[in-house]
Amino acid sequence: MIKGLAHITGGGLLENIPRILPAGTNVEIKRGSWPVLPIFESMRRIGNIEEEEMFRTFNMGIGMVIICAPSNASEIAARVDSCYEIGRVTDGDKRVVLV
């Protein structure tokens, strides 16, 4: 059921996810699709950090990304604590697009 896993460490969402994507695909991440801890907003504000850089440098509260077929998402979510559907795979050139 699982097509790919990305551990979100240094490089955040924008650099870790493309490493597991097959050629010809992108991932769209939907902003606001999971609860972001207040510390990230404080860091952004105090450091005057652009939003995209926050997604690149920090994990924004996401520790692991599971890529699966849409038909398997609910079954996987039922087996994983604190699971959020945060995006989708689209056609593209192996990058993450924030929407």
N, C-alpha and C. Protein backbone atom coordinates (compact mmCIF):
# COMPACT_ATOMS: atom_id res chain seq x y z
N MET A 1 0.81 -1.20 0.00
CA MET A 1 0.00 0.00 0.00
C MET A 1 0.85 1.26 0.00
N ILE A 2 2.02 1.22 0.64
CA ILE A 2 2.88 2.41 0.73
C ILE A 2 3.79 2.44 -0.48
N LYS A 3 3.76 3.55 -1.20
CA LYS A 3 4.58 3.74 -2.40
C LYS A 3 5.91 4.40 -2.07
N GLY A 4 5.95 5.20 -0.98
CA GLY A 4 7.18 5.89 -0.59
C GLY A 4 7.07 6.46 0.81
N LEU A 5 8.23 6.60 1.46
CA LEU A 5 8.33 7.20 2.79
C LEU A 5 9.45 8.24 2.77
N ALA A 6 9.21 9.39 3.35
CA ALA A 6 10.24 10.40 3.48
C ALA A 6 10.30 10.86 4.93
N HIS A 7 11.47 10.68 5.56
CA HIS A 7 11.69 11.17 6.91
C HIS A 7 12.07 12.64 6.77
N ILE A 8 11.28 13.53 7.38
CA ILE A 8 11.46 14.96 7.19
C ILE A 8 12.43 15.48 8.24
N THR A 9 13.68 15.62 7.82
CA THR A 9 14.76 16.12 8.70
C THR A 9 15.31 17.39 8.07
N GLY A 10 16.61 17.62 8.15
CA GLY A 10 17.22 18.79 7.51
C GLY A 10 16.82 18.85 6.05
N GLY A 11 16.43 20.00 5.58
CA GLY A 11 15.91 20.15 4.23
C GLY A 11 14.40 20.23 4.21
N GLY A 12 13.79 19.91 5.35
CA GLY A 12 12.35 20.04 5.48
C GLY A 12 11.56 19.31 4.41
N LEU A 13 10.35 19.76 4.22
CA LEU A 13 9.44 19.13 3.25
C LEU A 13 9.91 19.32 1.82
N LEU A 14 10.49 20.49 1.51
CA LEU A 14 10.80 20.81 0.12
C LEU A 14 11.99 20.03 -0.44
N GLU A 15 12.91 19.58 0.41
CA GLU A 15 14.08 18.87 -0.09
C GLU A 15 14.01 17.36 0.14
N ASN A 16 13.27 16.92 1.15
CA ASN A 16 13.23 15.49 1.44
C ASN A 16 12.26 14.71 0.56
N ILE A 17 11.10 15.27 0.29
CA ILE A 17 10.10 14.55 -0.51
C ILE A 17 10.58 14.29 -1.93
N PRO A 18 11.18 15.26 -2.63
CA PRO A 18 11.61 14.98 -4.01
C PRO A 18 12.58 13.81 -4.14
N ARG A 19 13.31 13.50 -3.10
CA ARG A 19 14.27 12.39 -3.15
C ARG A 19 13.60 11.04 -3.39
N ILE A 20 12.33 10.92 -3.04
CA ILE A 20 11.65 9.62 -3.21
C ILE A 20 10.68 9.60 -4.38
N LEU A 21 10.56 10.72 -5.10
CA LEU A 21 9.60 10.79 -6.20
C LEU A 21 10.17 10.16 -7.47
N PRO A 22 9.33 9.43 -8.18
CA PRO A 22 9.76 8.94 -9.50
C PRO A 22 9.78 10.10 -10.51
N ALA A 23 10.56 9.93 -11.55
CA ALA A 23 10.61 10.94 -12.61
C ALA A 23 9.20 11.22 -13.12
N GLY A 24 8.96 12.47 -13.47
CA GLY A 24 7.67 12.86 -14.04
C GLY A 24 6.59 13.18 -13.03
N THR A 25 6.97 13.27 -11.73
CA THR A 25 5.97 13.56 -10.70
C THR A 25 6.40 14.73 -9.82
N ASN A 26 5.43 15.41 -9.26
CA ASN A 26 5.57 16.44 -8.22
C ASN A 26 4.71 16.02 -7.05
N VAL A 27 4.85 16.72 -5.96
CA VAL A 27 3.90 16.61 -4.85
C VAL A 27 3.38 18.01 -4.56
N GLU A 28 2.07 18.14 -4.47
CA GLU A 28 1.44 19.38 -4.03
C GLU A 28 1.14 19.24 -2.55
N ILE A 29 1.65 20.17 -1.75
CA ILE A 29 1.37 20.20 -0.31
C ILE A 29 0.37 21.31 -0.07
N LYS A 30 -0.73 20.98 0.57
CA LYS A 30 -1.77 21.96 0.85
C LYS A 30 -1.51 22.63 2.20
N ARG A 31 -1.16 23.91 2.15
CA ARG A 31 -0.97 24.68 3.39
C ARG A 31 -2.24 24.59 4.23
N GLY A 32 -2.07 24.49 5.55
CA GLY A 32 -3.22 24.48 6.44
C GLY A 32 -3.92 23.14 6.56
N SER A 33 -3.35 22.08 5.96
CA SER A 33 -4.01 20.78 6.01
C SER A 33 -3.61 19.97 7.25
N TRP A 34 -2.77 20.55 8.11
CA TRP A 34 -2.42 19.94 9.39
C TRP A 34 -2.17 21.06 10.39
N PRO A 35 -2.31 20.76 11.68
CA PRO A 35 -2.08 21.80 12.69
C PRO A 35 -0.58 22.09 12.84
N VAL A 36 -0.18 23.33 12.59
CA VAL A 36 1.22 23.75 12.74
C VAL A 36 1.38 24.32 14.13
N LEU A 37 2.37 23.83 14.86
CA LEU A 37 2.60 24.30 16.22
C LEU A 37 2.95 25.80 16.23
N PRO A 38 2.51 26.52 17.26
CA PRO A 38 2.76 27.96 17.35
C PRO A 38 4.25 28.34 17.30
N ILE A 39 5.14 27.44 17.72
CA ILE A 39 6.57 27.75 17.71
C ILE A 39 7.06 28.09 16.31
N PHE A 40 6.48 27.46 15.28
CA PHE A 40 6.92 27.74 13.92
C PHE A 40 6.55 29.16 13.49
N GLU A 41 5.37 29.62 13.86
CA GLU A 41 4.97 31.00 13.55
C GLU A 41 5.84 31.98 14.32
N SER A 42 6.16 31.67 15.57
CA SER A 42 7.04 32.54 16.36
C SER A 42 8.42 32.63 15.71
N MET A 43 8.96 31.49 15.29
CA MET A 43 10.27 31.48 14.63
C MET A 43 10.23 32.30 13.35
N ARG A 44 9.17 32.13 12.56
CA ARG A 44 9.04 32.86 11.30
C ARG A 44 9.00 34.36 11.54
N ARG A 45 8.21 34.77 12.52
CA ARG A 45 8.04 36.19 12.82
C ARG A 45 9.32 36.80 13.39
N ILE A 46 9.90 36.17 14.41
CA ILE A 46 11.10 36.71 15.05
C ILE A 46 12.27 36.75 14.08
N GLY A 47 12.41 35.70 13.28
CA GLY A 47 13.53 35.63 12.34
C GLY A 47 13.25 36.29 11.00
N ASN A 48 12.02 36.83 10.83
CA ASN A 48 11.63 37.43 9.55
C ASN A 48 11.93 36.46 8.39
N ILE A 49 11.43 35.23 8.53
CA ILE A 49 11.71 34.16 7.57
C ILE A 49 10.52 34.00 6.63
N GLU A 50 10.80 33.94 5.35
CA GLU A 50 9.76 33.73 4.34
C GLU A 50 9.10 32.37 4.56
N GLU A 51 7.82 32.27 4.20
CA GLU A 51 7.08 31.03 4.41
C GLU A 51 7.73 29.84 3.69
N GLU A 52 8.13 30.01 2.44
CA GLU A 52 8.74 28.91 1.71
C GLU A 52 10.02 28.43 2.39
N GLU A 53 10.79 29.35 2.94
CA GLU A 53 12.02 28.97 3.65
C GLU A 53 11.67 28.18 4.92
N MET A 54 10.55 28.49 5.56
CA MET A 54 10.13 27.72 6.73
C MET A 54 9.86 26.27 6.33
N PHE A 55 9.24 26.06 5.17
CA PHE A 55 8.97 24.70 4.70
C PHE A 55 10.25 24.00 4.27
N ARG A 56 11.26 24.75 3.80
CA ARG A 56 12.51 24.16 3.35
C ARG A 56 13.43 23.82 4.54
N THR A 57 13.48 24.71 5.51
CA THR A 57 14.44 24.56 6.60
C THR A 57 13.91 23.73 7.76
N PHE A 58 12.61 23.83 8.02
CA PHE A 58 12.02 23.17 9.17
C PHE A 58 10.97 22.16 8.71
N ASN A 59 10.58 21.30 9.57
CA ASN A 59 9.60 20.27 9.18
C ASN A 59 8.16 20.72 9.36
N MET A 60 7.92 21.87 9.92
CA MET A 60 6.58 22.43 10.13
C MET A 60 5.67 21.45 10.89
N GLY A 61 6.28 20.59 11.70
CA GLY A 61 5.52 19.64 12.51
C GLY A 61 5.32 18.28 11.87
N ILE A 62 5.77 18.12 10.63
CA ILE A 62 5.63 16.84 9.94
C ILE A 62 6.93 16.06 10.09
N GLY A 63 6.85 14.86 10.64
CA GLY A 63 8.03 14.04 10.85
C GLY A 63 8.26 12.99 9.79
N MET A 64 7.18 12.53 9.16
CA MET A 64 7.29 11.48 8.15
C MET A 64 6.18 11.71 7.13
N VAL A 65 6.51 11.52 5.86
CA VAL A 65 5.53 11.61 4.80
C VAL A 65 5.37 10.23 4.19
N ILE A 66 4.14 9.78 4.08
CA ILE A 66 3.81 8.51 3.42
C ILE A 66 3.15 8.86 2.09
N ILE A 67 3.64 8.26 1.03
CA ILE A 67 3.01 8.42 -0.27
C ILE A 67 2.33 7.10 -0.61
N CYS A 68 1.04 7.21 -0.96
CA CYS A 68 0.24 6.03 -1.27
C CYS A 68 -0.80 6.38 -2.31
N ALA A 69 -1.43 5.37 -2.85
CA ALA A 69 -2.55 5.59 -3.77
C ALA A 69 -3.72 6.19 -2.97
N PRO A 70 -4.49 7.08 -3.57
CA PRO A 70 -5.63 7.66 -2.86
C PRO A 70 -6.57 6.59 -2.28
N SER A 71 -6.69 5.48 -2.96
CA SER A 71 -7.59 4.42 -2.49
C SER A 71 -7.10 3.75 -1.21
N ASN A 72 -5.82 3.93 -0.85
CA ASN A 72 -5.27 3.33 0.36
C ASN A 72 -5.13 4.32 1.52
N ALA A 73 -5.39 5.59 1.28
CA ALA A 73 -5.14 6.62 2.29
C ALA A 73 -5.91 6.39 3.59
N SER A 74 -7.18 6.09 3.51
CA SER A 74 -7.97 5.95 4.75
C SER A 74 -7.53 4.73 5.55
N GLU A 75 -7.17 3.64 4.89
CA GLU A 75 -6.71 2.46 5.62
C GLU A 75 -5.37 2.73 6.32
N ILE A 76 -4.46 3.41 5.65
CA ILE A 76 -3.18 3.75 6.28
C ILE A 76 -3.42 4.70 7.44
N ALA A 77 -4.25 5.72 7.24
CA ALA A 77 -4.52 6.70 8.30
C ALA A 77 -5.12 6.04 9.54
N ALA A 78 -5.91 5.01 9.35
CA ALA A 78 -6.52 4.31 10.48
C ALA A 78 -5.49 3.56 11.31
N ARG A 79 -4.32 3.30 10.75
CA ARG A 79 -3.29 2.53 11.44
C ARG A 79 -2.15 3.39 11.99
N VAL A 80 -2.17 4.70 11.71
CA VAL A 80 -1.07 5.58 12.10
C VAL A 80 -1.62 6.69 13.00
N ASP A 81 -0.98 6.90 14.15
CA ASP A 81 -1.38 8.00 15.03
C ASP A 81 -1.02 9.34 14.40
N SER A 82 -1.84 10.35 14.62
CA SER A 82 -1.59 11.71 14.15
C SER A 82 -1.26 11.76 12.67
N CYS A 83 -2.14 11.22 11.87
CA CYS A 83 -1.94 11.16 10.42
C CYS A 83 -2.84 12.19 9.75
N TYR A 84 -2.27 12.95 8.82
CA TYR A 84 -3.01 13.98 8.09
C TYR A 84 -2.76 13.79 6.60
N GLU A 85 -3.79 13.97 5.80
CA GLU A 85 -3.61 13.98 4.36
C GLU A 85 -3.23 15.41 3.98
N ILE A 86 -1.96 15.60 3.58
CA ILE A 86 -1.44 16.95 3.38
C ILE A 86 -1.22 17.31 1.92
N GLY A 87 -1.42 16.38 1.01
CA GLY A 87 -1.18 16.72 -0.38
C GLY A 87 -1.47 15.59 -1.32
N ARG A 88 -0.95 15.75 -2.55
CA ARG A 88 -1.19 14.73 -3.57
C ARG A 88 -0.04 14.73 -4.57
N VAL A 89 0.11 13.62 -5.25
CA VAL A 89 1.12 13.48 -6.30
C VAL A 89 0.48 13.95 -7.61
N THR A 90 1.24 14.74 -8.37
CA THR A 90 0.80 15.25 -9.66
C THR A 90 1.90 15.02 -10.69
N ASP A 91 1.62 15.33 -11.93
CA ASP A 91 2.66 15.31 -12.95
C ASP A 91 3.62 16.45 -12.68
N GLY A 92 4.89 16.25 -12.98
CA GLY A 92 5.85 17.33 -12.77
C GLY A 92 7.28 16.88 -12.91
N ASP A 93 8.16 17.65 -12.27
CA ASP A 93 9.60 17.44 -12.42
C ASP A 93 10.31 17.23 -11.08
N LYS A 94 9.74 16.37 -10.22
CA LYS A 94 10.33 15.96 -8.95
C LYS A 94 10.55 17.13 -7.97
N ARG A 95 9.49 17.88 -7.73
CA ARG A 95 9.60 18.95 -6.75
C ARG A 95 8.31 19.04 -5.93
N VAL A 96 8.38 19.81 -4.86
CA VAL A 96 7.23 20.05 -4.00
C VAL A 96 6.68 21.43 -4.31
N VAL A 97 5.37 21.51 -4.51
CA VAL A 97 4.68 22.76 -4.78
C VAL A 97 3.74 23.03 -3.62
N LEU A 98 3.87 24.19 -3.00
CA LEU A 98 2.98 24.58 -1.91
C LEU A 98 1.74 25.25 -2.48
N VAL A 99 0.57 24.75 -2.12
CA VAL A 99 -0.69 25.30 -2.63
C VAL A 99 -1.58 25.75 -1.48
